[in-house]
């Protein structure tokens, strides 16, 4: 149907719409003249008939041209109006799509900020509490073990004092990036507070978590952080805990046991990992 409408519109705008009817008028006029020429002998009558036919032709041709001109003008106006409306609709559609895209981006950023630390990109304390509670419930119901690591950057205040807080922020960012590269996708890496971080290692027994913590301490010790023209060496102390080492399991008891292990690592000279199971938790 649309194809036929398009063809008809093209025909109305083509020269044939004027040429064909005018040719028909001429053919009718010539036919009439030939007929009257054979039946009316007087020249005066022939001239009168010629004038009448010429007048009819001119009037018909004028009316036809005026009609076609009006139709063409109407079609042109409708086409221009349609094109303008389509362009306006497209502009509004583009604006609406851009607003929707910006809205989605803003909502996504708000959701990310609600669960992530803006400086390091690690998960934040709120996400840590929610994840830890979920893992404890899974452990109680299905006995799916997991481990908790709390990490503290040794002598970090000295970095801020010696190189400035901008350098300190850069060190935190680089440390977080390096640590995340050594984690599994299922592990949850958190900025616990200040220069402290935490890892919730899902489906991980205590012994495996302790070996990973020892390896992480050594890796960080040998991994220098380059800031401008300075290479900054850092070390970390790590406390390692797991729910199966506690007689009364709760989020607070597991965090307290792991923090005690971290303090023990600090007391033993830093740059080491201590497991909560090796401490008295009574």
C-alpha atoms as a PDB file:
ATOM      1  CA  UNK A   1       0.000   0.000   0.000  1.00  0.00           C
ATOM      2  CA  UNK A   2       2.782   2.430   0.901  1.00  0.00           C
ATOM      3  CA  UNK A   3       4.566   1.547  -2.333  1.00  0.00           C
ATOM      4  CA  UNK A   4       1.492   2.501  -4.380  1.00  0.00           C
ATOM      5  CA  UNK A   5       1.104   5.763  -2.454  1.00  0.00           C
ATOM      6  CA  UNK A   6       4.722   6.625  -3.082  1.00  0.00           C
ATOM      7  CA  UNK A   7       4.399   5.882  -6.824  1.00  0.00           C
ATOM      8  CA  UNK A   8       1.266   8.020  -7.085  1.00  0.00           C
ATOM      9  CA  UNK A   9       2.951  10.903  -5.306  1.00  0.00           C
ATOM     10  CA  UNK A  10       5.917  10.709  -7.676  1.00  0.00           C
ATOM     11  CA  UNK A  11       3.525  10.721 -10.628  1.00  0.00           C
ATOM     12  CA  UNK A  12       1.785  13.883  -9.354  1.00  0.00           C
ATOM     13  CA  UNK A  13       5.151  15.628  -9.088  1.00  0.00           C
ATOM     14  CA  UNK A  14       6.340  14.500 -12.534  1.00  0.00           C
ATOM     15  CA  UNK A  15       5.919  16.429 -15.862  1.00  0.00           C
ATOM     16  CA  UNK A  16       3.660  13.658 -17.167  1.00  0.00           C
ATOM     17  CA  UNK A  17       0.761  14.886 -15.031  1.00  0.00           C
ATOM     18  CA  UNK A  18       0.627  18.026 -17.232  1.00  0.00           C
ATOM     19  CA  UNK A  19       1.868  16.614 -20.534  1.00  0.00           C
ATOM     20  CA  UNK A  20      -0.570  13.698 -20.808  1.00  0.00           C
ATOM     21  CA  UNK A  21      -3.828  15.662 -20.195  1.00  0.00           C
ATOM     22  CA  UNK A  22      -2.631  18.479 -22.479  1.00  0.00           C
ATOM     23  CA  UNK A  23      -1.920  15.926 -25.187  1.00  0.00           C
ATOM     24  CA  UNK A  24      -5.434  14.583 -24.677  1.00  0.00           C
ATOM     25  CA  UNK A  25      -6.902  18.107 -25.017  1.00  0.00           C
ATOM     26  CA  UNK A  26      -4.976  18.656 -28.262  1.00  0.00           C
ATOM     27  CA  UNK A  27      -6.106  15.299 -29.641  1.00  0.00           C
ATOM     28  CA  UNK A  28      -9.756  16.088 -28.843  1.00  0.00           C
ATOM     29  CA  UNK A  29      -9.454  19.563 -30.386  1.00  0.00           C
ATOM     30  CA  UNK A  30      -7.854  18.210 -33.569  1.00  0.00           C
ATOM     31  CA  UNK A  31     -10.473  15.492 -33.815  1.00  0.00           C
ATOM     32  CA  UNK A  32     -13.263  18.033 -33.459  1.00  0.00           C
ATOM     33  CA  UNK A  33     -11.714  20.303 -36.075  1.00  0.00           C
ATOM     34  CA  UNK A  34     -11.383  17.443 -38.509  1.00  0.00           C
ATOM     35  CA  UNK A  35     -15.016  16.473 -37.965  1.00  0.00           C
ATOM     36  CA  UNK A  36     -16.362  20.019 -38.389  1.00  0.00           C
ATOM     37  CA  UNK A  37     -14.155  20.650 -41.398  1.00  0.00           C
ATOM     38  CA  UNK A  38     -15.853  17.779 -43.239  1.00  0.00           C
ATOM     39  CA  UNK A  39     -19.405  18.904 -42.388  1.00  0.00           C
ATOM     40  CA  UNK A  40     -19.312  22.763 -42.443  1.00  0.00           C
ATOM     41  CA  UNK A  41     -18.119  24.261 -45.714  1.00  0.00           C
ATOM     42  CA  UNK A  42     -17.977  28.002 -44.866  1.00  0.00           C
ATOM     43  CA  UNK A  43     -14.637  29.398 -43.680  1.00  0.00           C
ATOM     44  CA  UNK A  44     -16.350  31.753 -41.187  1.00  0.00           C
ATOM     45  CA  UNK A  45     -18.045  28.850 -39.448  1.00  0.00           C
ATOM     46  CA  UNK A  46     -14.794  26.903 -39.442  1.00  0.00           C
ATOM     47  CA  UNK A  47     -12.972  29.841 -37.860  1.00  0.00           C
ATOM     48  CA  UNK A  48     -15.638  30.215 -35.195  1.00  0.00           C
ATOM     49  CA  UNK A  49     -15.408  26.545 -34.314  1.00  0.00           C
ATOM     50  CA  UNK A  50     -11.626  26.850 -34.196  1.00  0.00           C
ATOM     51  CA  UNK A  51     -11.849  29.821 -31.830  1.00  0.00           C
ATOM     52  CA  UNK A  52     -14.364  28.048 -29.598  1.00  0.00           C
ATOM     53  CA  UNK A  53     -12.217  24.935 -29.403  1.00  0.00           C
ATOM     54  CA  UNK A  54      -9.101  27.012 -28.762  1.00  0.00           C
ATOM     55  CA  UNK A  55     -10.897  28.863 -25.941  1.00  0.00           C
ATOM     56  CA  UNK A  56     -12.123  25.607 -24.453  1.00  0.00           C
ATOM     57  CA  UNK A  57      -8.618  24.194 -24.671  1.00  0.00           C
ATOM     58  CA  UNK A  58      -7.055  27.224 -23.017  1.00  0.00           C
ATOM     59  CA  UNK A  59      -9.654  27.272 -20.245  1.00  0.00           C
ATOM     60  CA  UNK A  60      -9.314  23.527 -19.658  1.00  0.00           C
ATOM     61  CA  UNK A  61      -5.537  23.688 -19.773  1.00  0.00           C
ATOM     62  CA  UNK A  62      -5.513  26.638 -17.358  1.00  0.00           C
ATOM     63  CA  UNK A  63      -7.854  24.874 -14.937  1.00  0.00           C
ATOM     64  CA  UNK A  64      -5.802  21.727 -15.218  1.00  0.00           C
ATOM     65  CA  UNK A  65      -2.527  23.562 -14.578  1.00  0.00           C
ATOM     66  CA  UNK A  66      -4.043  25.443 -11.633  1.00  0.00           C
ATOM     67  CA  UNK A  67      -5.372  22.188 -10.175  1.00  0.00           C
ATOM     68  CA  UNK A  68      -2.053  20.411 -10.599  1.00  0.00           C
ATOM     69  CA  UNK A  69      -0.167  23.379  -9.162  1.00  0.00           C
ATOM     70  CA  UNK A  70      -2.463  23.421  -6.119  1.00  0.00           C
ATOM     71  CA  UNK A  71      -2.095  19.682  -5.616  1.00  0.00           C
ATOM     72  CA  UNK A  72       1.677  19.874  -5.968  1.00  0.00           C
ATOM     73  CA  UNK A  73       1.845  22.764  -3.520  1.00  0.00           C
ATOM     74  CA  UNK A  74      -0.300  20.832  -1.049  1.00  0.00           C
ATOM     75  CA  UNK A  75       1.835  17.716  -1.444  1.00  0.00           C
ATOM     76  CA  UNK A  76       5.032  19.727  -1.022  1.00  0.00           C
ATOM     77  CA  UNK A  77       3.646  21.367   2.134  1.00  0.00           C
ATOM     78  CA  UNK A  78       2.593  18.016   3.556  1.00  0.00           C
ATOM     79  CA  UNK A  79       5.987  16.474   2.773  1.00  0.00           C
ATOM     80  CA  UNK A  80       7.847  19.389   4.365  1.00  0.00           C
ATOM     81  CA  UNK A  81       5.577  19.239   7.404  1.00  0.00           C
ATOM     82  CA  UNK A  82       6.130  15.491   7.670  1.00  0.00           C
ATOM     83  CA  UNK A  83       9.905  15.881   7.366  1.00  0.00           C
ATOM     84  CA  UNK A  84       9.930  18.636   9.987  1.00  0.00           C
ATOM     85  CA  UNK A  85       7.821  16.542  12.348  1.00  0.00           C
ATOM     86  CA  UNK A  86      10.059  13.521  11.799  1.00  0.00           C
ATOM     87  CA  UNK A  87      13.175  15.600  12.435  1.00  0.00           C
ATOM     88  CA  UNK A  88      11.631  17.093  15.583  1.00  0.00           C
ATOM     89  CA  UNK A  89      10.553  13.635  16.770  1.00  0.00           C
ATOM     90  CA  UNK A  90      14.064  12.293  16.113  1.00  0.00           C
ATOM     91  CA  UNK A  91      15.623  15.169  18.066  1.00  0.00           C
ATOM     92  CA  UNK A  92      13.281  14.554  21.006  1.00  0.00           C
ATOM     93  CA  UNK A  93      14.005  10.824  20.810  1.00  0.00           C
ATOM     94  CA  UNK A  94      17.758  11.477  20.863  1.00  0.00           C
ATOM     95  CA  UNK A  95      17.370  13.830  23.837  1.00  0.00           C
ATOM     96  CA  UNK A  96      15.241  11.272  25.678  1.00  0.00           C
ATOM     97  CA  UNK A  97      17.749   8.481  24.967  1.00  0.00           C
ATOM     98  CA  UNK A  98      20.603  10.645  26.237  1.00  0.00           C
ATOM     99  CA  UNK A  99      18.652  11.497  29.407  1.00  0.00           C
ATOM    100  CA  UNK A 100      17.915   7.795  29.959  1.00  0.00           C
ATOM    101  CA  UNK A 101      21.590   6.938  29.416  1.00  0.00           C
ATOM    102  CA  UNK A 102      22.683   9.624  31.875  1.00  0.00           C
ATOM    103  CA  UNK A 103      20.073   8.468  34.381  1.00  0.00           C
ATOM    104  CA  UNK A 104      21.284   4.872  34.129  1.00  0.00           C
ATOM    105  CA  UNK A 105      24.905   5.973  34.453  1.00  0.00           C
ATOM    106  CA  UNK A 106      24.093   8.106  37.504  1.00  0.00           C
ATOM    107  CA  UNK A 107      22.104   5.286  39.117  1.00  0.00           C
ATOM    108  CA  UNK A 108      24.919   2.821  38.399  1.00  0.00           C
ATOM    109  CA  UNK A 109      27.465   5.215  39.918  1.00  0.00           C
ATOM    110  CA  UNK A 110      25.302   5.704  43.021  1.00  0.00           C
ATOM    111  CA  UNK A 111      24.987   1.946  43.406  1.00  0.00           C
ATOM    112  CA  UNK A 112      28.754   1.558  43.022  1.00  0.00           C
ATOM    113  CA  UNK A 113      29.477   4.293  45.565  1.00  0.00           C
ATOM    114  CA  UNK A 114      27.095   2.618  48.005  1.00  0.00           C
ATOM    115  CA  UNK A 115      29.273  -0.514  48.050  1.00  0.00           C
ATOM    116  CA  UNK A 116      32.751   0.681  46.996  1.00  0.00           C
ATOM    117  CA  UNK A 117      35.503   2.821  48.440  1.00  0.00           C
ATOM    118  CA  UNK A 118      35.940   5.855  46.149  1.00  0.00           C
ATOM    119  CA  UNK A 119      39.741   6.051  46.603  1.00  0.00           C
ATOM    120  CA  UNK A 120      40.868   2.465  46.043  1.00  0.00           C
ATOM    121  CA  UNK A 121      37.877   0.947  44.238  1.00  0.00           C
ATOM    122  CA  UNK A 122      37.722  -1.830  46.850  1.00  0.00           C
ATOM    123  CA  UNK A 123      34.453  -2.722  48.537  1.00  0.00           C
ATOM    124  CA  UNK A 124      33.526  -0.605  51.547  1.00  0.00           C
ATOM    125  CA  UNK A 125      32.777  -1.370  55.200  1.00  0.00           C
ATOM    126  CA  UNK A 126      29.041  -1.597  54.578  1.00  0.00           C
ATOM    127  CA  UNK A 127      29.490  -4.295  51.947  1.00  0.00           C
ATOM    128  CA  UNK A 128      31.922  -6.055  54.261  1.00  0.00           C
ATOM    129  CA  UNK A 129      29.318  -6.333  57.027  1.00  0.00           C
ATOM    130  CA  UNK A 130      26.635  -7.638  54.640  1.00  0.00           C
ATOM    131  CA  UNK A 131      28.947 -10.201  53.017  1.00  0.00           C
ATOM    132  CA  UNK A 132      30.364 -11.400  56.332  1.00  0.00           C
ATOM    133  CA  UNK A 133      26.867 -11.916  57.736  1.00  0.00           C
ATOM    134  CA  UNK A 134      25.863 -13.888  54.634  1.00  0.00           C
ATOM    135  CA  UNK A 135      28.971 -16.081  54.799  1.00  0.00           C
ATOM    136  CA  UNK A 136      28.374 -16.837  58.483  1.00  0.00           C
ATOM    137  CA  UNK A 137      24.792 -17.876  57.751  1.00  0.00           C
ATOM    138  CA  UNK A 138      26.006 -20.136  54.937  1.00  0.00           C
ATOM    139  CA  UNK A 139      28.572 -21.659  57.278  1.00  0.00           C
ATOM    140  CA  UNK A 140      25.977 -22.335  59.979  1.00  0.00           C
ATOM    141  CA  UNK A 141      23.533 -23.884  57.511  1.00  0.00           C
ATOM    142  CA  UNK A 142      25.764 -25.733  55.046  1.00  0.00           C
ATOM    143  CA  UNK A 143      29.157 -25.811  56.812  1.00  0.00           C
ATOM    144  CA  UNK A 144      30.723 -23.974  53.854  1.00  0.00           C
ATOM    145  CA  UNK A 145      33.926 -22.788  55.439  1.00  0.00           C
ATOM    146  CA  UNK A 146      35.541 -19.439  54.682  1.00  0.00           C
ATOM    147  CA  UNK A 147      38.378 -17.359  56.064  1.00  0.00           C
ATOM    148  CA  UNK A 148      38.805 -13.735  57.064  1.00  0.00           C
ATOM    149  CA  UNK A 149      42.033 -11.779  56.579  1.00  0.00           C
ATOM    150  CA  UNK A 150      42.536  -8.323  58.051  1.00  0.00           C
ATOM    151  CA  UNK A 151      45.540  -6.481  56.607  1.00  0.00           C
ATOM    152  CA  UNK A 152      47.340  -3.409  57.945  1.00  0.00           C
ATOM    153  CA  UNK A 153      50.021  -1.484  56.049  1.00  0.00           C
ATOM    154  CA  UNK A 154      53.053  -1.246  58.318  1.00  0.00           C
ATOM    155  CA  UNK A 155      54.345   2.242  59.203  1.00  0.00           C
ATOM    156  CA  UNK A 156      51.931   3.878  56.777  1.00  0.00           C
ATOM    157  CA  UNK A 157      51.842   7.112  58.748  1.00  0.00           C
ATOM    158  CA  UNK A 158      55.536   7.466  57.977  1.00  0.00           C
ATOM    159  CA  UNK A 159      54.735   7.440  54.252  1.00  0.00           C
ATOM    160  CA  UNK A 160      52.275  10.307  54.733  1.00  0.00           C
ATOM    161  CA  UNK A 161      54.729  12.253  56.887  1.00  0.00           C
ATOM    162  CA  UNK A 162      57.689  11.750  54.561  1.00  0.00           C
ATOM    163  CA  UNK A 163      56.063  11.994  51.119  1.00  0.00           C
ATOM    164  CA  UNK A 164      52.706  13.697  51.737  1.00  0.00           C
ATOM    165  CA  UNK A 165      49.112  12.542  51.750  1.00  0.00           C
ATOM    166  CA  UNK A 166      48.829  12.522  47.949  1.00  0.00           C
ATOM    167  CA  UNK A 167      51.622   9.983  47.844  1.00  0.00           C
ATOM    168  CA  UNK A 168      49.924   8.066  50.665  1.00  0.00           C
ATOM    169  CA  UNK A 169      46.694   7.880  48.661  1.00  0.00           C
ATOM    170  CA  UNK A 170      48.654   6.660  45.648  1.00  0.00           C
ATOM    171  CA  UNK A 171      50.268   3.930  47.766  1.00  0.00           C
ATOM    172  CA  UNK A 172      46.854   2.779  48.976  1.00  0.00           C
ATOM    173  CA  UNK A 173      45.577   2.657  45.395  1.00  0.00           C
ATOM    174  CA  UNK A 174      48.568   0.697  44.148  1.00  0.00           C
ATOM    175  CA  UNK A 175      48.417  -1.700  47.077  1.00  0.00           C
ATOM    176  CA  UNK A 176      44.713  -2.342  46.475  1.00  0.00           C
ATOM    177  CA  UNK A 177      45.296  -2.925  42.771  1.00  0.00           C
ATOM    178  CA  UNK A 178      48.198  -5.313  43.402  1.00  0.00           C
ATOM    179  CA  UNK A 179      46.280  -7.289  46.035  1.00  0.00           C
ATOM    180  CA  UNK A 180      43.165  -7.634  43.916  1.00  0.00           C
ATOM    181  CA  UNK A 181      45.250  -9.065  41.095  1.00  0.00           C
ATOM    182  CA  UNK A 182      46.257 -11.913  43.426  1.00  0.00           C
ATOM    183  CA  UNK A 183      42.699 -12.770  44.507  1.00  0.00           C
ATOM    184  CA  UNK A 184      40.085 -15.063  43.053  1.00  0.00           C
ATOM    185  CA  UNK A 185      36.954 -13.598  41.518  1.00  0.00           C
ATOM    186  CA  UNK A 186      34.855 -15.039  44.348  1.00  0.00           C
ATOM    187  CA  UNK A 187      36.960 -13.358  47.064  1.00  0.00           C
ATOM    188  CA  UNK A 188      35.724 -10.073  48.537  1.00  0.00           C
ATOM    189  CA  UNK A 189      38.361  -7.367  48.987  1.00  0.00           C
ATOM    190  CA  UNK A 190      37.423  -4.517  51.319  1.00  0.00           C
ATOM    191  CA  UNK A 191      38.906  -1.276  52.533  1.00  0.00           C
ATOM    192  CA  UNK A 192      38.347  -1.894  56.219  1.00  0.00           C
ATOM    193  CA  UNK A 193      39.359   1.600  57.334  1.00  0.00           C
ATOM    194  CA  UNK A 194      42.312   3.961  56.872  1.00  0.00           C
ATOM    195  CA  UNK A 195      45.281   1.801  55.894  1.00  0.00           C
ATOM    196  CA  UNK A 196      43.485  -1.410  56.878  1.00  0.00           C
ATOM    197  CA  UNK A 197      41.969  -3.810  54.381  1.00  0.00           C
ATOM    198  CA  UNK A 198      40.122  -7.103  54.687  1.00  0.00           C
ATOM    199  CA  UNK A 199      39.615 -10.157  52.515  1.00  0.00           C
ATOM    200  CA  UNK A 200      36.714 -12.572  52.831  1.00  0.00           C
ATOM    201  CA  UNK A 201      38.048 -15.719  51.168  1.00  0.00           C
ATOM    202  CA  UNK A 202      35.024 -17.831  50.290  1.00  0.00           C
ATOM    203  CA  UNK A 203      35.183 -21.646  50.358  1.00  0.00           C
ATOM    204  CA  UNK A 204      38.664 -21.463  51.868  1.00  0.00           C
ATOM    205  CA  UNK A 205      39.969 -23.482  54.810  1.00  0.00           C
ATOM    206  CA  UNK A 206      42.086 -21.797  57.468  1.00  0.00           C
ATOM    207  CA  UNK A 207      45.349 -23.482  56.438  1.00  0.00           C
ATOM    208  CA  UNK A 208      44.954 -22.371  52.815  1.00  0.00           C
ATOM    209  CA  UNK A 209      44.172 -18.818  53.919  1.00  0.00           C
ATOM    210  CA  UNK A 210      47.219 -18.758  56.188  1.00  0.00           C
ATOM    211  CA  UNK A 211      49.515 -19.915  53.352  1.00  0.00           C
ATOM    212  CA  UNK A 212      48.051 -17.258  51.080  1.00  0.00           C
ATOM    213  CA  UNK A 213      48.600 -14.573  53.749  1.00  0.00           C
ATOM    214  CA  UNK A 214      52.262 -15.600  54.143  1.00  0.00           C
ATOM    215  CA  UNK A 215      52.746 -15.483  50.383  1.00  0.00           C
ATOM    216  CA  UNK A 216      51.035 -12.089  50.165  1.00  0.00           C
ATOM    217  CA  UNK A 217      53.351 -10.638  52.823  1.00  0.00           C
ATOM    218  CA  UNK A 218      56.414 -11.720  50.841  1.00  0.00           C
ATOM    219  CA  UNK A 219      55.004 -10.529  47.520  1.00  0.00           C
ATOM    220  CA  UNK A 220      54.216  -7.062  48.857  1.00  0.00           C
ATOM    221  CA  UNK A 221      57.638  -6.758  50.497  1.00  0.00           C
ATOM    222  CA  UNK A 222      59.330  -7.273  47.128  1.00  0.00           C
ATOM    223  CA  UNK A 223      56.833  -5.140  45.204  1.00  0.00           C
ATOM    224  CA  UNK A 224      58.074  -1.564  45.203  1.00  0.00           C
ATOM    225  CA  UNK A 225      55.615   1.231  44.474  1.00  0.00           C
ATOM    226  CA  UNK A 226      56.957   3.840  42.072  1.00  0.00           C
ATOM    227  CA  UNK A 227      55.709   7.363  42.719  1.00  0.00           C
ATOM    228  CA  UNK A 228      57.207  10.091  40.556  1.00  0.00           C
ATOM    229  CA  UNK A 229      60.975   9.570  40.947  1.00  0.00           C
ATOM    230  CA  UNK A 230      60.730   7.616  44.204  1.00  0.00           C
ATOM    231  CA  UNK A 231      60.341   3.904  44.853  1.00  0.00           C
ATOM    232  CA  UNK A 232      58.473   3.268  48.079  1.00  0.00           C
ATOM    233  CA  UNK A 233      58.762  -0.089  49.783  1.00  0.00           C
ATOM    234  CA  UNK A 234      55.916  -1.235  52.018  1.00  0.00           C
ATOM    235  CA  UNK A 235      55.163  -4.264  54.155  1.00  0.00           C
ATOM    236  CA  UNK A 236      51.954  -5.537  55.695  1.00  0.00           C
ATOM    237  CA  UNK A 237      50.839  -7.416  58.795  1.00  0.00           C
ATOM    238  CA  UNK A 238      47.947  -9.829  58.471  1.00  0.00           C
ATOM    239  CA  UNK A 239      45.593 -11.491  60.908  1.00  0.00           C
ATOM    240  CA  UNK A 240      43.848 -14.653  59.679  1.00  0.00           C
ATOM    241  CA  UNK A 241      40.670 -16.104  61.168  1.00  0.00           C
ATOM    242  CA  UNK A 242      38.029 -18.673  60.276  1.00  0.00           C
ATOM    243  CA  UNK A 243      34.650 -19.602  61.799  1.00  0.00           C
ATOM    244  CA  UNK A 244      35.610 -23.159  62.677  1.00  0.00           C
ATOM    245  CA  UNK A 245      38.150 -21.847  65.196  1.00  0.00           C
ATOM    246  CA  UNK A 246      35.420 -20.242  67.340  1.00  0.00           C
ATOM    247  CA  UNK A 247      33.214 -21.907  69.925  1.00  0.00           C
ATOM    248  CA  UNK A 248      30.539 -19.200  69.660  1.00  0.00           C
ATOM    249  CA  UNK A 249      30.370 -17.890  66.127  1.00  0.00           C
ATOM    250  CA  UNK A 250      29.186 -14.407  65.276  1.00  0.00           C
ATOM    251  CA  UNK A 251      30.413 -11.621  63.023  1.00  0.00           C
ATOM    252  CA  UNK A 252      31.760  -9.692  65.985  1.00  0.00           C
ATOM    253  CA  UNK A 253      33.560 -12.691  67.509  1.00  0.00           C
ATOM    254  CA  UNK A 254      35.223 -13.566  64.188  1.00  0.00           C
ATOM    255  CA  UNK A 255      36.317  -9.971  63.575  1.00  0.00           C
ATOM    256  CA  UNK A 256      37.625  -9.661  67.145  1.00  0.00           C
ATOM    257  CA  UNK A 257      39.605 -12.899  66.855  1.00  0.00           C
ATOM    258  CA  UNK A 258      41.132 -11.816  63.534  1.00  0.00           C
ATOM    259  CA  UNK A 259      41.982  -8.349  64.852  1.00  0.00           C
ATOM    260  CA  UNK A 260      43.690  -9.967  67.853  1.00  0.00           C
ATOM    261  CA  UNK A 261      45.771 -12.016  65.423  1.00  0.00           C
ATOM    262  CA  UNK A 262      46.660  -8.835  63.536  1.00  0.00           C
ATOM    263  CA  UNK A 263      47.784  -7.126  66.742  1.00  0.00           C
ATOM    264  CA  UNK A 264      49.885 -10.193  67.500  1.00  0.00           C
ATOM    265  CA  UNK A 265      51.547  -9.893  64.085  1.00  0.00           C
ATOM    266  CA  UNK A 266      52.296  -6.226  64.780  1.00  0.00           C
ATOM    267  CA  UNK A 267      53.782  -7.121  68.173  1.00  0.00           C
ATOM    268  CA  UNK A 268      56.016  -9.785  66.635  1.00  0.00           C
ATOM    269  CA  UNK A 269      57.774  -7.282  64.405  1.00  0.00           C
ATOM    270  CA  UNK A 270      55.269  -6.723  61.557  1.00  0.00           C
ATOM    271  CA  UNK A 271      55.629  -7.999  57.977  1.00  0.00           C
ATOM    272  CA  UNK A 272      54.089 -11.353  58.905  1.00  0.00           C
ATOM    273  CA  UNK A 273      50.774 -13.223  59.100  1.00  0.00           C
ATOM    274  CA  UNK A 274      49.383 -14.708  62.332  1.00  0.00           C
ATOM    275  CA  UNK A 275      46.448 -17.086  62.469  1.00  0.00           C
ATOM    276  CA  UNK A 276      43.702 -16.672  65.042  1.00  0.00           C
ATOM    277  CA  UNK A 277      43.648 -20.409  65.708  1.00  0.00           C
ATOM    278  CA  UNK A 278      47.133 -20.140  67.202  1.00  0.00           C
ATOM    279  CA  UNK A 279      45.875 -17.691  69.854  1.00  0.00           C
ATOM    280  CA  UNK A 280      43.843 -18.221  72.973  1.00  0.00           C
ATOM    281  CA  UNK A 281      40.294 -17.194  72.024  1.00  0.00           C
ATOM    282  CA  UNK A 282      38.564 -18.064  75.274  1.00  0.00           C
END
